[in-house]
C-alpha atoms as a PDB file:
ATOM      1  CA  MET A   1     -24.541 -10.497  20.326  1.00  0.00           C
ATOM      2  CA  ALA A   2     -23.862 -10.994  16.785  1.00  0.00           C
ATOM      3  CA  ASN A   3     -25.902 -10.834  13.827  1.00  0.00           C
ATOM      4  CA  GLY A   4     -24.403 -14.223  12.197  1.00  0.00           C
ATOM      5  CA  VAL A   5     -22.269 -17.084  12.448  1.00  0.00           C
ATOM      6  CA  VAL A   6     -19.731 -17.803   9.802  1.00  0.00           C
ATOM      7  CA  PHE A   7     -19.867 -22.068   9.407  1.00  0.00           C
ATOM      8  CA  LEU A   8     -16.707 -23.725   7.897  1.00  0.00           C
ATOM      9  CA  PRO A   9     -16.169 -26.467   6.104  1.00  0.00           C
ATOM     10  CA  SER A  10     -14.310 -27.996   8.490  1.00  0.00           C
ATOM     11  CA  TYR A  11     -16.759 -27.800  11.398  1.00  0.00           C
ATOM     12  CA  HIS A  12     -18.717 -29.831   8.433  1.00  0.00           C
ATOM     13  CA  GLU A  13     -16.156 -32.225   8.558  1.00  0.00           C
ATOM     14  CA  ALA A  14     -15.490 -32.548  12.020  1.00  0.00           C
ATOM     15  CA  MET A  15     -19.078 -33.324  12.724  1.00  0.00           C
ATOM     16  CA  ARG A  16     -19.946 -35.597   9.709  1.00  0.00           C
ATOM     17  CA  ASP A  17     -19.298 -38.402  11.930  1.00  0.00           C
ATOM     18  CA  LEU A  18     -20.872 -38.333  14.850  1.00  0.00           C
ATOM     19  CA  PRO A  19     -24.571 -39.636  15.734  1.00  0.00           C
ATOM     20  CA  ASP A  20     -27.396 -37.693  14.696  1.00  0.00           C
ATOM     21  CA  ALA A  21     -28.517 -36.557  18.206  1.00  0.00           C
ATOM     22  CA  GLU A  22     -24.390 -35.522  19.091  1.00  0.00           C
ATOM     23  CA  ARG A  23     -24.542 -33.610  15.407  1.00  0.00           C
ATOM     24  CA  LEU A  24     -27.613 -31.807  16.627  1.00  0.00           C
ATOM     25  CA  GLN A  25     -25.963 -30.758  19.718  1.00  0.00           C
ATOM     26  CA  MET A  26     -23.233 -29.899  17.931  1.00  0.00           C
ATOM     27  CA  TYR A  27     -25.145 -27.365  15.715  1.00  0.00           C
ATOM     28  CA  ASP A  28     -26.897 -26.120  18.761  1.00  0.00           C
ATOM     29  CA  ALA A  29     -23.645 -25.172  20.767  1.00  0.00           C
ATOM     30  CA  ILE A  30     -22.029 -23.649  17.444  1.00  0.00           C
ATOM     31  CA  VAL A  31     -25.182 -21.659  16.853  1.00  0.00           C
ATOM     32  CA  CYS A  32     -26.298 -20.294  20.433  1.00  0.00           C
ATOM     33  CA  TYR A  33     -22.573 -19.261  21.099  1.00  0.00           C
ATOM     34  CA  GLY A  34     -21.961 -17.720  18.025  1.00  0.00           C
ATOM     35  CA  LEU A  35     -25.517 -15.570  17.781  1.00  0.00           C
ATOM     36  CA  TYR A  36     -25.808 -15.008  21.783  1.00  0.00           C
ATOM     37  CA  GLY A  37     -22.289 -15.741  23.273  1.00  0.00           C
ATOM     38  CA  GLU A  38     -24.064 -18.661  25.364  1.00  0.00           C
ATOM     39  CA  VAL A  39     -22.178 -22.310  25.977  1.00  0.00           C
ATOM     40  CA  VAL A  40     -24.912 -24.858  26.251  1.00  0.00           C
ATOM     41  CA  GLU A  41     -25.022 -28.140  27.845  1.00  0.00           C
ATOM     42  CA  MET A  42     -22.405 -30.681  25.834  1.00  0.00           C
ATOM     43  CA  THR A  43     -21.629 -34.433  25.832  1.00  0.00           C
ATOM     44  CA  PRO A  44     -17.957 -35.017  26.415  1.00  0.00           C
ATOM     45  CA  LEU A  45     -17.628 -35.630  22.886  1.00  0.00           C
ATOM     46  CA  VAL A  46     -19.327 -32.767  21.490  1.00  0.00           C
ATOM     47  CA  ARG A  47     -17.694 -30.423  24.148  1.00  0.00           C
ATOM     48  CA  SER A  48     -14.195 -31.414  22.875  1.00  0.00           C
ATOM     49  CA  LEU A  49     -15.090 -30.597  19.403  1.00  0.00           C
ATOM     50  CA  PHE A  50     -16.508 -27.538  20.551  1.00  0.00           C
ATOM     51  CA  VAL A  51     -13.625 -26.480  22.167  1.00  0.00           C
ATOM     52  CA  LEU A  52     -11.629 -26.656  19.163  1.00  0.00           C
ATOM     53  CA  ILE A  53     -14.192 -24.812  17.031  1.00  0.00           C
ATOM     54  CA  LYS A  54     -14.657 -21.957  19.520  1.00  0.00           C
ATOM     55  CA  PRO A  55     -11.470 -19.750  18.500  1.00  0.00           C
ATOM     56  CA  ASN A  56     -12.020 -19.755  15.156  1.00  0.00           C
ATOM     57  CA  ILE A  57     -15.923 -18.146  16.102  1.00  0.00           C
ATOM     58  CA  ASP A  58     -14.073 -15.955  18.695  1.00  0.00           C
ATOM     59  CA  SER A  59     -11.481 -14.675  15.893  1.00  0.00           C
ATOM     60  CA  SER A  60     -14.611 -14.710  13.087  1.00  0.00           C
ATOM     61  CA  GLN A  61     -16.281 -12.322  15.137  1.00  0.00           C
ATOM     62  CA  ARG A  62     -13.301 -10.064  15.923  1.00  0.00           C
ATOM     63  CA  ARG A  63     -12.389  -9.580  12.520  1.00  0.00           C
ATOM     64  CA  TYR A  64     -16.239  -8.574  11.806  1.00  0.00           C
ATOM     65  CA  ARG A  65     -16.306  -6.154  14.236  1.00  0.00           C
ATOM     66  CA  ALA A  66     -13.251  -4.465  13.510  1.00  0.00           C
ATOM     67  CA  ALA A  67     -14.433  -4.281   9.705  1.00  0.00           C
ATOM     68  CA  GLN A  68     -17.300  -2.917  11.043  1.00  0.00           C
ATOM     69  CA  GLU A  69     -15.348   0.057  13.278  1.00  0.00           C
ATOM     70  CA  ASN A  70     -13.330   0.813  10.102  1.00  0.00           C
ATOM     71  CA  GLY A  71     -16.325   1.199   8.084  1.00  0.00           C
ATOM     72  CA  LYS A  72     -17.859   3.928  10.541  1.00  0.00           C
ATOM     73  CA  LYS A  73     -14.541   5.544   9.758  1.00  0.00           C
ATOM     74  CA  GLY A  74     -15.453   5.372   5.611  1.00  0.00           C
ATOM     75  CA  GLY A  75     -12.997   3.072   4.713  1.00  0.00           C
ATOM     76  CA  ARG A  76     -10.436   3.377   2.254  1.00  0.00           C
ATOM     77  CA  PRO A  77     -10.380   5.663  -0.593  1.00  0.00           C
ATOM     78  CA  LEU A  78     -11.906   4.410  -3.999  1.00  0.00           C
ATOM     79  CA  LYS A  79      -9.132   2.819  -5.969  1.00  0.00           C
ATOM     80  CA  ASN A  80      -9.153   5.256  -8.839  1.00  0.00           C
ATOM     81  CA  GLN A  81      -8.691   7.892  -6.315  1.00  0.00           C
ATOM     82  CA  THR A  82      -5.506   7.098  -5.472  1.00  0.00           C
ATOM     83  CA  GLU A  83      -4.327   5.885  -8.665  1.00  0.00           C
ATOM     84  CA  ASN A  84      -4.925   9.279 -10.341  1.00  0.00           C
ATOM     85  CA  GLN A  85      -3.651  10.906  -7.265  1.00  0.00           C
ATOM     86  CA  ASN A  86      -0.049   9.147  -7.737  1.00  0.00           C
ATOM     87  CA  GLN A  87      -0.428   9.686 -11.580  1.00  0.00           C
ATOM     88  CA  ASN A  88      -0.699  13.280 -11.167  1.00  0.00           C
ATOM     89  CA  GLN A  89       2.494  13.128  -8.515  1.00  0.00           C
ATOM     90  CA  ASN A  90       4.187  11.473 -11.294  1.00  0.00           C
ATOM     91  CA  GLN A  91       3.229  13.750 -14.354  1.00  0.00           C
ATOM     92  CA  ASN A  92       4.016  17.122 -11.677  1.00  0.00           C
ATOM     93  CA  GLN A  93       7.401  15.109 -11.361  1.00  0.00           C
ATOM     94  CA  SER A  94       8.347  14.616 -15.261  1.00  0.00           C
ATOM     95  CA  ARG A  95       6.945  18.515 -15.763  1.00  0.00           C
ATOM     96  CA  ASN A  96       8.969  19.990 -12.890  1.00  0.00           C
ATOM     97  CA  HIS A  97      11.984  18.047 -14.637  1.00  0.00           C
ATOM     98  CA  ASP A  98      11.060  19.172 -17.943  1.00  0.00           C
ATOM     99  CA  ILE A  99      11.481  22.817 -16.483  1.00  0.00           C
ATOM    100  CA  ASP A 100      14.567  22.830 -15.198  1.00  0.00           C
ATOM    101  CA  SER A 101      15.791  21.375 -18.138  1.00  0.00           C
ATOM    102  CA  ASP A 102      14.473  24.086 -20.329  1.00  0.00           C
ATOM    103  CA  ILE A 103      15.853  26.605 -17.488  1.00  0.00           C
ATOM    104  CA  ASP A 104      19.330  24.805 -17.948  1.00  0.00           C
ATOM    105  CA  SER A 105      19.321  24.869 -21.630  1.00  0.00           C
ATOM    106  CA  ASP A 106      18.430  28.858 -21.856  1.00  0.00           C
ATOM    107  CA  ILE A 107      21.065  29.597 -19.153  1.00  0.00           C
ATOM    108  CA  ASP A 108      23.481  27.556 -21.444  1.00  0.00           C
ATOM    109  CA  SER A 109      22.047  29.350 -24.719  1.00  0.00           C
ATOM    110  CA  ASP A 110      22.185  32.919 -22.880  1.00  0.00           C
ATOM    111  CA  MET A 111      25.954  32.151 -21.771  1.00  0.00           C
ATOM    112  CA  GLU A 112      27.066  31.135 -25.673  1.00  0.00           C
ATOM    113  CA  ARG A 113      25.340  34.212 -26.672  1.00  0.00           C
ATOM    114  CA  GLU A 114      27.050  36.373 -24.310  1.00  0.00           C
ATOM    115  CA  ARG A 115      30.408  34.569 -25.487  1.00  0.00           C
ATOM    116  CA  GLU A 116      29.710  35.331 -29.068  1.00  0.00           C
ATOM    117  CA  LEU A 117      29.189  39.308 -27.938  1.00  0.00           C
ATOM    118  CA  ARG A 118      32.357  39.133 -26.348  1.00  0.00           C
ATOM    119  CA  GLY A 119      34.000  37.829 -29.005  1.00  0.00           C
ATOM    120  CA  GLY A 120      34.627  34.104 -27.772  1.00  0.00           C
ATOM    121  CA  GLU A 121      35.610  35.629 -24.449  1.00  0.00           C
ATOM    122  CA  HIS A 122      34.973  32.734 -21.632  1.00  0.00           C
ATOM    123  CA  ILE A 123      32.202  34.101 -18.885  1.00  0.00           C
ATOM    124  CA  LYS A 124      33.179  33.815 -15.695  1.00  0.00           C
ATOM    125  CA  PRO A 125      30.409  32.989 -13.302  1.00  0.00           C
ATOM    126  CA  LEU A 126      29.271  34.469  -9.756  1.00  0.00           C
ATOM    127  CA  PRO A 127      31.940  33.331  -7.045  1.00  0.00           C
ATOM    128  CA  GLU A 128      28.837  31.957  -5.455  1.00  0.00           C
ATOM    129  CA  LEU A 129      28.157  29.821  -8.607  1.00  0.00           C
ATOM    130  CA  ALA A 130      31.396  28.940  -9.480  1.00  0.00           C
ATOM    131  CA  GLU A 131      31.712  25.733  -7.169  1.00  0.00           C
ATOM    132  CA  GLU A 132      28.045  24.769  -8.275  1.00  0.00           C
ATOM    133  CA  GLU A 133      28.963  24.965 -11.922  1.00  0.00           C
ATOM    134  CA  SER A 134      31.907  22.492 -11.601  1.00  0.00           C
ATOM    135  CA  THR A 135      29.904  20.019  -9.736  1.00  0.00           C
ATOM    136  CA  PHE A 136      27.271  20.530 -12.635  1.00  0.00           C
ATOM    137  CA  GLU A 137      30.491  20.504 -15.177  1.00  0.00           C
ATOM    138  CA  LEU A 138      31.692  16.903 -13.401  1.00  0.00           C
ATOM    139  CA  LYS A 139      28.725  15.412 -13.393  1.00  0.00           C
ATOM    140  CA  ARG A 140      27.615  16.191 -16.900  1.00  0.00           C
ATOM    141  CA  GLN A 141      30.862  14.814 -18.360  1.00  0.00           C
ATOM    142  CA  ALA A 142      30.662  11.567 -16.082  1.00  0.00           C
ATOM    143  CA  ALA A 143      27.003  11.239 -17.786  1.00  0.00           C
ATOM    144  CA  LEU A 144      28.152  11.920 -20.888  1.00  0.00           C
ATOM    145  CA  ALA A 145      31.088   8.971 -20.615  1.00  0.00           C
ATOM    146  CA  ALA A 146      28.807   6.358 -18.938  1.00  0.00           C
ATOM    147  CA  LEU A 147      26.728   7.055 -22.446  1.00  0.00           C
ATOM    148  CA  GLY A 148      29.528   6.533 -24.376  1.00  0.00           C
ATOM    149  CA  TYR A 149      30.091   9.920 -25.843  1.00  0.00           C
ATOM    150  CA  SER A 150      33.159  11.917 -25.930  1.00  0.00           C
ATOM    151  CA  GLU A 151      33.837  15.502 -25.932  1.00  0.00           C
END
């Protein structure tokens, strides 16, 4: 049993030209079926229109019941909470990128200072970092070249 029936404008369009007695019969058929699930006696003309409308009533009721069930689950989170979470994630990613850049700058500065202390002698990286440093250097040079800078 439903709490209501959705009466679409197309229903009215379909019934508008019916004689009063058949139009009333059609209204009764829609309301009785929509509210109570009962199919009432109808003339052949009213039955032919009702057969076309019945799937719409069933579909509307299925959507309504599904919405009720989803509402019992709490629904979706408020939009502001979702947007705030996305903004926080973006800020955290930005902070992490800034921290990585700061660390890279600190390492470069430390290496430069060490070079100056050793009289310009190039400091060799640890063997396990050599490959990583050369890959980084190639990527850095490619990025500078793409931006139009040359060393």
